[in-house]
Amino acid sequence: MDSNVAQLNRSAAYASIGVALLLVALKLWAAWSTGSTAMLGSLADTALDLIASLVTLVGVHVAAQPEDDQHRFGHGKAEALAAIFQVTLISISALALAARAIEQVFVGGRTESAEGGIAVSLIALVATLGLLAWQRHVIRRTRSLAIETDHVHYQSDLLLNLAVIAALALDQYVGLAGVDPLFGLLIACWLGWGAWKASQRAIDELMDKEWPAEKKARFVAVAARHPELKGMHDLRTRTSGNRDFVQFHVWVDPKMSIRAAHQVMDEIEARLQAEFPDVEILIHPDPEGLIDEAGRAAHEVLPQEDPA
């Protein structure tokens, strides 16, 4: 992984750890002083954010290590493993908070005060907005899955802190009994939904899911521009961290020399890497008309010319 990319990923991880440490301290005091279930849920979420951010730091550090004899494709999937760990923590937090909120609904729990909790939540909003802005910058530059997953729960923190403010205000200033645990339950549902969404890309990457159809079509279109390319099949794609891997078979003139065929492969690869700079490409040349594969791998992927 490029050193600048690794440095940006680490900076985002350190920033999230710093914000989480600040907010855990503030929300610990606020949860104790207000007795709010919603604030307790916010504290639990932030505490898990801190753990998740530490895992993110480890993940991006491992993913940044260069390929070695035992990991010839690099260490990019460390980010997906870190993301899965984060999702697990978020899910546990959501279940525990939901159980606490349901218990408080039945016992009619009320908050003790609102001012301190509202002030802490406002500070949390400002700190989280700053962190999200930096994470978005890093994600645009590095495409880090671990930072993107971290970004998901800090996005949910914005709504979570607004929910805490609303719960405290409605309970203390409007006198609506039961609203605080109800907001706690809604926050738990929100965390669970966020965990589900965040898990999808990590699972896709660990399972080597193919690229989206649009991206594959654009890749094939670039390859098809080479005049010596007669056909293309057995296209396979996958993603690991911020790197993509592609392999495919192409048809070339069977009378072409090995040197000439090699030159064509180099030219096709150069064209592709000009538009897909983070892709590692493996091309297998076949004489035109030869297909050793069966099933889907044997299907021609180049756009077919209209005979008319």
C-alpha atoms as a PDB file:
ATOM      1  CA  MET A   1       0.000   0.000   0.000  1.00  0.00           C
ATOM      2  CA  ASP A   2       1.208   3.510  -0.829  1.00  0.00           C
ATOM      3  CA  SER A   3       2.791   5.226   2.223  1.00  0.00           C
ATOM      4  CA  ASN A   4       0.614   8.332   1.800  1.00  0.00           C
ATOM      5  CA  VAL A   5      -2.520   6.177   1.765  1.00  0.00           C
ATOM      6  CA  ALA A   6      -1.394   4.349   4.898  1.00  0.00           C
ATOM      7  CA  GLN A   7      -0.605   7.643   6.635  1.00  0.00           C
ATOM      8  CA  LEU A   8      -4.040   9.069   5.790  1.00  0.00           C
ATOM      9  CA  ASN A   9      -5.783   5.938   7.068  1.00  0.00           C
ATOM     10  CA  ARG A  10      -3.828   6.058  10.318  1.00  0.00           C
ATOM     11  CA  SER A  11      -4.614   9.754  10.773  1.00  0.00           C
ATOM     12  CA  ALA A  12      -8.342   9.041  10.466  1.00  0.00           C
ATOM     13  CA  ALA A  13      -8.057   6.178  12.973  1.00  0.00           C
ATOM     14  CA  TYR A  14      -6.151   8.348  15.459  1.00  0.00           C
ATOM     15  CA  ALA A  15      -8.720  11.137  15.045  1.00  0.00           C
ATOM     16  CA  SER A  16     -11.626   8.787  15.794  1.00  0.00           C
ATOM     17  CA  ILE A  17      -9.814   7.418  18.870  1.00  0.00           C
ATOM     18  CA  GLY A  18      -9.232  10.959  20.172  1.00  0.00           C
ATOM     19  CA  VAL A  19     -12.864  11.979  19.662  1.00  0.00           C
ATOM     20  CA  ALA A  20     -14.127   8.744  21.244  1.00  0.00           C
ATOM     21  CA  LEU A  21     -11.933   9.222  24.349  1.00  0.00           C
ATOM     22  CA  LEU A  22     -13.258  12.756  24.828  1.00  0.00           C
ATOM     23  CA  LEU A  23     -16.885  11.726  24.387  1.00  0.00           C
ATOM     24  CA  VAL A  24     -16.662   8.667  26.646  1.00  0.00           C
ATOM     25  CA  ALA A  25     -15.444  10.872  29.507  1.00  0.00           C
ATOM     26  CA  LEU A  26     -18.170  13.468  28.949  1.00  0.00           C
ATOM     27  CA  LYS A  27     -21.006  10.970  28.476  1.00  0.00           C
ATOM     28  CA  LEU A  28     -19.954   8.936  31.521  1.00  0.00           C
ATOM     29  CA  TRP A  29     -20.508  12.015  33.655  1.00  0.00           C
ATOM     30  CA  ALA A  30     -23.739  12.902  31.813  1.00  0.00           C
ATOM     31  CA  ALA A  31     -25.215   9.392  32.158  1.00  0.00           C
ATOM     32  CA  TRP A  32     -24.467   9.432  35.894  1.00  0.00           C
ATOM     33  CA  SER A  33     -25.887  12.922  36.448  1.00  0.00           C
ATOM     34  CA  THR A  34     -29.063  12.561  34.349  1.00  0.00           C
ATOM     35  CA  GLY A  35     -30.047   8.939  34.861  1.00  0.00           C
ATOM     36  CA  SER A  36     -31.133   8.904  31.205  1.00  0.00           C
ATOM     37  CA  THR A  37     -31.511   5.597  29.369  1.00  0.00           C
ATOM     38  CA  ALA A  38     -30.986   7.418  26.081  1.00  0.00           C
ATOM     39  CA  MET A  39     -27.754   8.954  27.405  1.00  0.00           C
ATOM     40  CA  LEU A  40     -26.691   5.546  28.712  1.00  0.00           C
ATOM     41  CA  GLY A  41     -27.249   4.190  25.218  1.00  0.00           C
ATOM     42  CA  SER A  42     -25.194   7.021  23.762  1.00  0.00           C
ATOM     43  CA  LEU A  43     -22.402   6.258  26.255  1.00  0.00           C
ATOM     44  CA  ALA A  44     -22.464   2.552  25.365  1.00  0.00           C
ATOM     45  CA  ASP A  45     -22.315   3.374  21.674  1.00  0.00           C
ATOM     46  CA  THR A  46     -19.381   5.761  22.141  1.00  0.00           C
ATOM     47  CA  ALA A  47     -17.499   3.271  24.331  1.00  0.00           C
ATOM     48  CA  LEU A  48     -17.873   0.679  21.579  1.00  0.00           C
ATOM     49  CA  ASP A  49     -16.849   3.319  19.034  1.00  0.00           C
ATOM     50  CA  LEU A  50     -13.610   3.683  20.991  1.00  0.00           C
ATOM     51  CA  ILE A  51     -12.964  -0.071  20.903  1.00  0.00           C
ATOM     52  CA  ALA A  52     -13.940  -0.195  17.229  1.00  0.00           C
ATOM     53  CA  SER A  53     -11.612   2.701  16.415  1.00  0.00           C
ATOM     54  CA  LEU A  54      -8.727   0.883  18.100  1.00  0.00           C
ATOM     55  CA  VAL A  55      -9.551  -2.172  15.981  1.00  0.00           C
ATOM     56  CA  THR A  56      -9.679   0.087  12.908  1.00  0.00           C
ATOM     57  CA  LEU A  57      -6.193   1.355  13.699  1.00  0.00           C
ATOM     58  CA  VAL A  58      -4.897  -2.216  13.895  1.00  0.00           C
ATOM     59  CA  GLY A  59      -6.754  -3.118  10.690  1.00  0.00           C
ATOM     60  CA  VAL A  60      -5.372  -0.249   8.603  1.00  0.00           C
ATOM     61  CA  HIS A  61      -1.875  -0.883  10.021  1.00  0.00           C
ATOM     62  CA  VAL A  62      -1.942  -4.546   9.000  1.00  0.00           C
ATOM     63  CA  ALA A  63      -3.534  -3.752   5.624  1.00  0.00           C
ATOM     64  CA  ALA A  64      -0.719  -1.285   4.903  1.00  0.00           C
ATOM     65  CA  GLN A  65       1.952  -3.982   5.183  1.00  0.00           C
ATOM     66  CA  PRO A  66       3.478  -4.975   1.828  1.00  0.00           C
ATOM     67  CA  GLU A  67       2.863  -8.395   0.343  1.00  0.00           C
ATOM     68  CA  ASP A  68       5.152 -11.156   1.576  1.00  0.00           C
ATOM     69  CA  ASP A  69       5.866 -14.825   0.871  1.00  0.00           C
ATOM     70  CA  GLN A  70       2.791 -15.930   2.841  1.00  0.00           C
ATOM     71  CA  HIS A  71       0.428 -13.188   1.592  1.00  0.00           C
ATOM     72  CA  ARG A  72       1.166 -12.703  -2.078  1.00  0.00           C
ATOM     73  CA  PHE A  73      -1.992 -10.629  -2.614  1.00  0.00           C
ATOM     74  CA  GLY A  74      -1.159  -8.264   0.237  1.00  0.00           C
ATOM     75  CA  HIS A  75      -2.958  -7.782   3.560  1.00  0.00           C
ATOM     76  CA  GLY A  76      -5.940  -5.715   2.395  1.00  0.00           C
ATOM     77  CA  LYS A  77      -8.562  -8.049   3.865  1.00  0.00           C
ATOM     78  CA  ALA A  78      -7.415  -7.064   7.358  1.00  0.00           C
ATOM     79  CA  GLU A  79      -9.686  -4.046   6.870  1.00  0.00           C
ATOM     80  CA  ALA A  80     -12.692  -6.269   6.169  1.00  0.00           C
ATOM     81  CA  LEU A  81     -11.940  -8.317   9.299  1.00  0.00           C
ATOM     82  CA  ALA A  82     -11.726  -5.098  11.331  1.00  0.00           C
ATOM     83  CA  ALA A  83     -15.052  -3.991   9.856  1.00  0.00           C
ATOM     84  CA  ILE A  84     -16.722  -7.305  10.827  1.00  0.00           C
ATOM     85  CA  PHE A  85     -15.417  -6.909  14.383  1.00  0.00           C
ATOM     86  CA  GLN A  86     -16.873  -3.401  14.535  1.00  0.00           C
ATOM     87  CA  VAL A  87     -20.233  -4.657  13.277  1.00  0.00           C
ATOM     88  CA  THR A  88     -20.256  -7.333  15.988  1.00  0.00           C
ATOM     89  CA  LEU A  89     -19.642  -4.730  18.694  1.00  0.00           C
ATOM     90  CA  ILE A  90     -22.374  -2.457  17.358  1.00  0.00           C
ATOM     91  CA  SER A  91     -24.846  -5.368  17.297  1.00  0.00           C
ATOM     92  CA  ILE A  92     -24.068  -6.323  20.907  1.00  0.00           C
ATOM     93  CA  SER A  93     -24.493  -2.696  21.959  1.00  0.00           C
ATOM     94  CA  ALA A  94     -27.861  -2.458  20.185  1.00  0.00           C
ATOM     95  CA  LEU A  95     -29.196  -5.627  21.852  1.00  0.00           C
ATOM     96  CA  ALA A  96     -28.057  -4.568  25.332  1.00  0.00           C
ATOM     97  CA  LEU A  97     -29.534  -1.100  24.928  1.00  0.00           C
ATOM     98  CA  ALA A  98     -32.836  -2.482  23.635  1.00  0.00           C
ATOM     99  CA  ALA A  99     -33.116  -4.763  26.690  1.00  0.00           C
ATOM    100  CA  ARG A 100     -32.397  -1.835  29.037  1.00  0.00           C
ATOM    101  CA  ALA A 101     -34.902   0.423  27.255  1.00  0.00           C
ATOM    102  CA  ILE A 102     -37.700  -2.199  27.358  1.00  0.00           C
ATOM    103  CA  GLU A 103     -37.088  -2.699  31.086  1.00  0.00           C
ATOM    104  CA  GLN A 104     -37.299   1.071  31.675  1.00  0.00           C
ATOM    105  CA  VAL A 105     -40.544   1.301  29.675  1.00  0.00           C
ATOM    106  CA  PHE A 106     -42.232  -1.160  32.055  1.00  0.00           C
ATOM    107  CA  VAL A 107     -40.927   0.447  35.248  1.00  0.00           C
ATOM    108  CA  GLY A 108     -41.692   3.988  34.043  1.00  0.00           C
ATOM    109  CA  GLY A 109     -38.128   5.316  34.248  1.00  0.00           C
ATOM    110  CA  ARG A 110     -37.596   9.093  34.309  1.00  0.00           C
ATOM    111  CA  THR A 111     -34.499  11.263  33.980  1.00  0.00           C
ATOM    112  CA  GLU A 112     -33.112  13.289  36.882  1.00  0.00           C
ATOM    113  CA  SER A 113     -31.896  16.394  34.991  1.00  0.00           C
ATOM    114  CA  ALA A 114     -31.410  17.629  31.445  1.00  0.00           C
ATOM    115  CA  GLU A 115     -28.965  20.546  31.259  1.00  0.00           C
ATOM    116  CA  GLY A 116     -25.715  18.589  31.611  1.00  0.00           C
ATOM    117  CA  GLY A 117     -26.807  15.872  29.208  1.00  0.00           C
ATOM    118  CA  ILE A 118     -27.903  18.377  26.567  1.00  0.00           C
ATOM    119  CA  ALA A 119     -24.621  20.297  26.866  1.00  0.00           C
ATOM    120  CA  VAL A 120     -22.587  17.098  26.482  1.00  0.00           C
ATOM    121  CA  SER A 121     -24.653  16.025  23.473  1.00  0.00           C
ATOM    122  CA  LEU A 122     -24.073  19.404  21.789  1.00  0.00           C
ATOM    123  CA  ILE A 123     -20.310  19.077  22.326  1.00  0.00           C
ATOM    124  CA  ALA A 124     -20.506  15.561  20.907  1.00  0.00           C
ATOM    125  CA  LEU A 125     -22.325  16.849  17.818  1.00  0.00           C
ATOM    126  CA  VAL A 126     -19.617  19.423  17.070  1.00  0.00           C
ATOM    127  CA  ALA A 127     -16.757  16.945  17.649  1.00  0.00           C
ATOM    128  CA  THR A 128     -18.449  14.281  15.522  1.00  0.00           C
ATOM    129  CA  LEU A 129     -19.072  16.682  12.631  1.00  0.00           C
ATOM    130  CA  GLY A 130     -15.375  17.561  12.569  1.00  0.00           C
ATOM    131  CA  LEU A 131     -14.349  13.899  12.625  1.00  0.00           C
ATOM    132  CA  LEU A 132     -16.803  12.976   9.847  1.00  0.00           C
ATOM    133  CA  ALA A 133     -15.433  15.730   7.616  1.00  0.00           C
ATOM    134  CA  TRP A 134     -11.888  14.362   7.975  1.00  0.00           C
ATOM    135  CA  GLN A 135     -13.009  10.761   7.483  1.00  0.00           C
ATOM    136  CA  ARG A 136     -14.815  11.684   4.248  1.00  0.00           C
ATOM    137  CA  HIS A 137     -11.615  13.294   2.971  1.00  0.00           C
ATOM    138  CA  VAL A 138      -9.605  10.155   3.803  1.00  0.00           C
ATOM    139  CA  ILE A 139     -12.187   7.777   2.277  1.00  0.00           C
ATOM    140  CA  ARG A 140     -12.164   9.726  -0.996  1.00  0.00           C
ATOM    141  CA  ARG A 141      -8.383   9.391  -1.151  1.00  0.00           C
ATOM    142  CA  THR A 142      -7.896   5.816   0.123  1.00  0.00           C
ATOM    143  CA  ARG A 143     -11.201   3.879  -0.321  1.00  0.00           C
ATOM    144  CA  SER A 144     -10.483   2.273   3.072  1.00  0.00           C
ATOM    145  CA  LEU A 145     -13.211  -0.183   4.118  1.00  0.00           C
ATOM    146  CA  ALA A 146     -12.247   0.004   7.801  1.00  0.00           C
ATOM    147  CA  ILE A 147     -12.412   3.822   7.832  1.00  0.00           C
ATOM    148  CA  GLU A 148     -15.670   3.719   5.861  1.00  0.00           C
ATOM    149  CA  THR A 149     -17.226   1.375   8.444  1.00  0.00           C
ATOM    150  CA  ASP A 150     -15.964   3.616  11.255  1.00  0.00           C
ATOM    151  CA  HIS A 151     -17.545   6.522   9.370  1.00  0.00           C
ATOM    152  CA  VAL A 152     -20.919   4.725   9.368  1.00  0.00           C
ATOM    153  CA  HIS A 153     -21.217   4.596  13.138  1.00  0.00           C
ATOM    154  CA  TYR A 154     -20.037   8.137  13.646  1.00  0.00           C
ATOM    155  CA  GLN A 155     -22.705   9.210  11.161  1.00  0.00           C
ATOM    156  CA  SER A 156     -25.275   7.417  13.307  1.00  0.00           C
ATOM    157  CA  ASP A 157     -23.887   9.293  16.322  1.00  0.00           C
ATOM    158  CA  LEU A 158     -25.248  12.540  14.881  1.00  0.00           C
ATOM    159  CA  LEU A 159     -28.834  11.274  15.040  1.00  0.00           C
ATOM    160  CA  LEU A 160     -28.107   9.504  18.300  1.00  0.00           C
ATOM    161  CA  ASN A 161     -27.014  12.733  20.023  1.00  0.00           C
ATOM    162  CA  LEU A 162     -30.003  14.606  18.603  1.00  0.00           C
ATOM    163  CA  ALA A 163     -32.235  11.832  19.973  1.00  0.00           C
ATOM    164  CA  VAL A 164     -30.663  12.174  23.428  1.00  0.00           C
ATOM    165  CA  ILE A 165     -31.284  15.924  23.400  1.00  0.00           C
ATOM    166  CA  ALA A 166     -34.907  15.384  22.363  1.00  0.00           C
ATOM    167  CA  ALA A 167     -35.440  12.672  25.000  1.00  0.00           C
ATOM    168  CA  LEU A 168     -34.032  14.810  27.823  1.00  0.00           C
ATOM    169  CA  ALA A 169     -35.957  17.902  26.750  1.00  0.00           C
ATOM    170  CA  LEU A 170     -39.286  16.104  26.374  1.00  0.00           C
ATOM    171  CA  ASP A 171     -38.867  14.270  29.682  1.00  0.00           C
ATOM    172  CA  GLN A 172     -37.713  17.220  31.804  1.00  0.00           C
ATOM    173  CA  TYR A 173     -39.340  20.261  30.175  1.00  0.00           C
ATOM    174  CA  VAL A 174     -42.523  18.802  28.671  1.00  0.00           C
ATOM    175  CA  GLY A 175     -43.089  16.090  31.268  1.00  0.00           C
ATOM    176  CA  LEU A 176     -43.705  13.212  28.861  1.00  0.00           C
ATOM    177  CA  ALA A 177     -43.211  10.067  30.964  1.00  0.00           C
ATOM    178  CA  GLY A 178     -41.632   7.099  29.196  1.00  0.00           C
ATOM    179  CA  VAL A 179     -40.209   9.107  26.308  1.00  0.00           C
ATOM    180  CA  ASP A 180     -36.590   8.600  27.413  1.00  0.00           C
ATOM    181  CA  PRO A 181     -36.632   4.750  27.274  1.00  0.00           C
ATOM    182  CA  LEU A 182     -38.651   4.958  24.051  1.00  0.00           C
ATOM    183  CA  PHE A 183     -35.885   7.040  22.477  1.00  0.00           C
ATOM    184  CA  GLY A 184     -33.378   4.541  23.875  1.00  0.00           C
ATOM    185  CA  LEU A 185     -35.225   1.739  22.068  1.00  0.00           C
ATOM    186  CA  LEU A 186     -35.286   3.736  18.820  1.00  0.00           C
ATOM    187  CA  ILE A 187     -31.544   4.328  19.141  1.00  0.00           C
ATOM    188  CA  ALA A 188     -31.011   0.575  19.596  1.00  0.00           C
ATOM    189  CA  CYS A 189     -32.989  -0.115  16.417  1.00  0.00           C
ATOM    190  CA  TRP A 190     -30.957   2.513  14.555  1.00  0.00           C
ATOM    191  CA  LEU A 191     -27.688   0.929  15.725  1.00  0.00           C
ATOM    192  CA  GLY A 192     -28.877  -2.501  14.612  1.00  0.00           C
ATOM    193  CA  TRP A 193     -29.809  -1.214  11.165  1.00  0.00           C
ATOM    194  CA  GLY A 194     -26.451   0.541  10.847  1.00  0.00           C
ATOM    195  CA  ALA A 195     -24.644  -2.673  11.793  1.00  0.00           C
ATOM    196  CA  TRP A 196     -26.554  -4.602   9.115  1.00  0.00           C
ATOM    197  CA  LYS A 197     -25.692  -2.081   6.394  1.00  0.00           C
ATOM    198  CA  ALA A 198     -22.048  -1.844   7.464  1.00  0.00           C
ATOM    199  CA  SER A 199     -21.663  -5.623   7.351  1.00  0.00           C
ATOM    200  CA  GLN A 200     -22.610  -5.993   3.684  1.00  0.00           C
ATOM    201  CA  ARG A 201     -19.490  -4.597   2.025  1.00  0.00           C
ATOM    202  CA  ALA A 202     -17.173  -6.381   4.466  1.00  0.00           C
ATOM    203  CA  ILE A 203     -18.888  -9.719   3.784  1.00  0.00           C
ATOM    204  CA  ASP A 204     -18.788  -9.078   0.037  1.00  0.00           C
ATOM    205  CA  GLU A 205     -15.060  -8.416   0.189  1.00  0.00           C
ATOM    206  CA  LEU A 206     -14.284 -11.459   2.325  1.00  0.00           C
ATOM    207  CA  MET A 207     -16.345 -13.610  -0.069  1.00  0.00           C
ATOM    208  CA  ASP A 208     -14.555 -12.155  -3.130  1.00  0.00           C
ATOM    209  CA  LYS A 209     -17.773 -10.815  -4.632  1.00  0.00           C
ATOM    210  CA  GLU A 210     -17.503  -9.702  -8.249  1.00  0.00           C
ATOM    211  CA  TRP A 211     -17.419  -6.012  -9.154  1.00  0.00           C
ATOM    212  CA  PRO A 212     -20.710  -4.250  -9.897  1.00  0.00           C
ATOM    213  CA  ALA A 213     -21.923  -4.824 -13.476  1.00  0.00           C
ATOM    214  CA  GLU A 214     -21.347  -1.176 -14.446  1.00  0.00           C
ATOM    215  CA  LYS A 215     -17.704  -1.239 -13.365  1.00  0.00           C
ATOM    216  CA  LYS A 216     -17.063  -4.533 -15.161  1.00  0.00           C
ATOM    217  CA  ALA A 217     -18.695  -3.198 -18.337  1.00  0.00           C
ATOM    218  CA  ARG A 218     -16.465  -0.109 -18.261  1.00  0.00           C
ATOM    219  CA  PHE A 219     -13.387  -2.306 -17.746  1.00  0.00           C
ATOM    220  CA  VAL A 220     -14.308  -4.516 -20.715  1.00  0.00           C
ATOM    221  CA  ALA A 221     -15.006  -1.466 -22.885  1.00  0.00           C
ATOM    222  CA  VAL A 222     -11.499  -0.121 -22.249  1.00  0.00           C
ATOM    223  CA  ALA A 223      -9.905  -3.493 -23.075  1.00  0.00           C
ATOM    224  CA  ALA A 224     -11.987  -3.797 -26.259  1.00  0.00           C
ATOM    225  CA  ARG A 225     -10.364  -0.678 -27.748  1.00  0.00           C
ATOM    226  CA  HIS A 226      -7.195  -2.619 -28.644  1.00  0.00           C
ATOM    227  CA  PRO A 227      -7.395  -3.616 -32.350  1.00  0.00           C
ATOM    228  CA  GLU A 228      -5.624  -6.974 -31.848  1.00  0.00           C
ATOM    229  CA  LEU A 229      -8.111  -8.174 -29.228  1.00  0.00           C
ATOM    230  CA  LYS A 230     -10.348 -10.787 -30.925  1.00  0.00           C
ATOM    231  CA  GLY A 231     -12.324 -11.993 -27.905  1.00  0.00           C
ATOM    232  CA  MET A 232     -12.394 -12.031 -24.098  1.00  0.00           C
ATOM    233  CA  HIS A 233     -13.770 -14.580 -21.625  1.00  0.00           C
ATOM    234  CA  ASP A 234     -13.398 -15.984 -18.088  1.00  0.00           C
ATOM    235  CA  LEU A 235     -13.319 -12.472 -16.587  1.00  0.00           C
ATOM    236  CA  ARG A 236     -12.914 -12.636 -12.790  1.00  0.00           C
ATOM    237  CA  THR A 237     -12.820  -9.646 -10.451  1.00  0.00           C
ATOM    238  CA  ARG A 238     -12.456  -9.088  -6.724  1.00  0.00           C
ATOM    239  CA  THR A 239     -11.478  -6.416  -4.199  1.00  0.00           C
ATOM    240  CA  SER A 240      -9.160  -6.556  -1.191  1.00  0.00           C
ATOM    241  CA  GLY A 241      -8.810  -3.387   0.869  1.00  0.00           C
ATOM    242  CA  ASN A 242      -8.118  -0.541  -1.538  1.00  0.00           C
ATOM    243  CA  ARG A 243      -6.795  -2.858  -4.268  1.00  0.00           C
ATOM    244  CA  ASP A 244      -8.689  -4.569  -7.057  1.00  0.00           C
ATOM    245  CA  PHE A 245      -7.656  -7.798  -8.790  1.00  0.00           C
ATOM    246  CA  VAL A 246      -8.738  -8.859 -12.286  1.00  0.00           C
ATOM    247  CA  GLN A 247      -7.890 -11.857 -14.454  1.00  0.00           C
ATOM    248  CA  PHE A 248      -9.223 -12.878 -17.868  1.00  0.00           C
ATOM    249  CA  HIS A 249      -8.490 -14.778 -21.100  1.00  0.00           C
ATOM    250  CA  VAL A 250      -8.201 -13.033 -24.463  1.00  0.00           C
ATOM    251  CA  TRP A 251      -8.132 -14.240 -28.056  1.00  0.00           C
ATOM    252  CA  VAL A 252      -5.333 -13.128 -30.353  1.00  0.00           C
ATOM    253  CA  ASP A 253      -4.300 -14.112 -33.875  1.00  0.00           C
ATOM    254  CA  PRO A 254      -2.982 -17.734 -33.616  1.00  0.00           C
ATOM    255  CA  LYS A 255      -0.214 -16.888 -36.094  1.00  0.00           C
ATOM    256  CA  MET A 256       1.127 -14.186 -33.813  1.00  0.00           C
ATOM    257  CA  SER A 257       4.556 -14.828 -32.244  1.00  0.00           C
ATOM    258  CA  ILE A 258       4.933 -15.116 -28.480  1.00  0.00           C
ATOM    259  CA  ARG A 259       6.862 -11.834 -28.441  1.00  0.00           C
ATOM    260  CA  ALA A 260       4.133 -10.059 -30.390  1.00  0.00           C
ATOM    261  CA  ALA A 261       1.389 -11.529 -28.195  1.00  0.00           C
ATOM    262  CA  HIS A 262       3.288 -10.416 -25.102  1.00  0.00           C
ATOM    263  CA  GLN A 263       3.505  -6.908 -26.532  1.00  0.00           C
ATOM    264  CA  VAL A 264      -0.264  -6.878 -27.101  1.00  0.00           C
ATOM    265  CA  MET A 265      -0.870  -7.991 -23.495  1.00  0.00           C
ATOM    266  CA  ASP A 266       1.384  -5.190 -22.233  1.00  0.00           C
ATOM    267  CA  GLU A 267      -0.492  -2.641 -24.323  1.00  0.00           C
ATOM    268  CA  ILE A 268      -3.899  -3.851 -23.106  1.00  0.00           C
ATOM    269  CA  GLU A 269      -2.693  -3.772 -19.502  1.00  0.00           C
ATOM    270  CA  ALA A 270      -1.303  -0.252 -19.905  1.00  0.00           C
ATOM    271  CA  ARG A 271      -4.624   1.016 -21.295  1.00  0.00           C
ATOM    272  CA  LEU A 272      -6.545  -0.585 -18.453  1.00  0.00           C
ATOM    273  CA  GLN A 273      -4.247   0.701 -15.717  1.00  0.00           C
ATOM    274  CA  ALA A 274      -4.472   4.218 -17.112  1.00  0.00           C
ATOM    275  CA  GLU A 275      -8.190   4.195 -16.215  1.00  0.00           C
ATOM    276  CA  PHE A 276      -8.046   1.686 -13.335  1.00  0.00           C
ATOM    277  CA  PRO A 277      -4.787   2.626 -11.578  1.00  0.00           C
ATOM    278  CA  ASP A 278      -5.300   0.490  -8.435  1.00  0.00           C
ATOM    279  CA  VAL A 279      -5.986  -2.763 -10.298  1.00  0.00           C
ATOM    280  CA  GLU A 280      -3.623  -5.734 -10.468  1.00  0.00           C
ATOM    281  CA  ILE A 281      -4.223  -7.444 -13.830  1.00  0.00           C
ATOM    282  CA  LEU A 282      -3.458 -10.983 -14.997  1.00  0.00           C
ATOM    283  CA  ILE A 283      -4.090 -11.740 -18.697  1.00  0.00           C
ATOM    284  CA  HIS A 284      -3.970 -15.193 -20.293  1.00  0.00           C
ATOM    285  CA  PRO A 285      -3.653 -15.151 -24.120  1.00  0.00           C
ATOM    286  CA  ASP A 286      -5.387 -17.860 -26.180  1.00  0.00           C
ATOM    287  CA  PRO A 287      -5.308 -18.445 -29.950  1.00  0.00           C
ATOM    288  CA  GLU A 288      -8.510 -17.118 -31.499  1.00  0.00           C
ATOM    289  CA  GLY A 289     -11.371 -19.598 -31.210  1.00  0.00           C
ATOM    290  CA  LEU A 290      -9.880 -21.676 -28.364  1.00  0.00           C
ATOM    291  CA  ILE A 291     -11.988 -22.033 -25.188  1.00  0.00           C
ATOM    292  CA  ASP A 292     -10.853 -24.587 -22.599  1.00  0.00           C
ATOM    293  CA  GLU A 293     -13.356 -23.401 -19.978  1.00  0.00           C
ATOM    294  CA  ALA A 294     -16.966 -24.487 -19.519  1.00  0.00           C
ATOM    295  CA  GLY A 295     -20.123 -22.799 -18.290  1.00  0.00           C
ATOM    296  CA  ARG A 296     -20.091 -19.111 -17.417  1.00  0.00           C
ATOM    297  CA  ALA A 297     -16.300 -18.844 -17.789  1.00  0.00           C
ATOM    298  CA  ALA A 298     -16.625 -19.702 -21.504  1.00  0.00           C
ATOM    299  CA  HIS A 299     -19.024 -16.830 -22.266  1.00  0.00           C
ATOM    300  CA  GLU A 300     -17.734 -14.048 -24.496  1.00  0.00           C
ATOM    301  CA  VAL A 301     -17.718 -10.720 -22.608  1.00  0.00           C
ATOM    302  CA  LEU A 302     -16.651  -8.339 -25.376  1.00  0.00           C
ATOM    303  CA  PRO A 303     -19.484  -6.262 -26.822  1.00  0.00           C
ATOM    304  CA  GLN A 304     -20.773  -7.933 -29.980  1.00  0.00           C
ATOM    305  CA  GLU A 305     -20.844  -5.863 -33.166  1.00  0.00           C
ATOM    306  CA  ASP A 306     -24.197  -5.318 -34.828  1.00  0.00           C
ATOM    307  CA  PRO A 307     -24.125  -7.298 -38.123  1.00  0.00           C
ATOM    308  CA  ALA A 308     -26.263  -4.609 -39.723  1.00  0.00           C
END
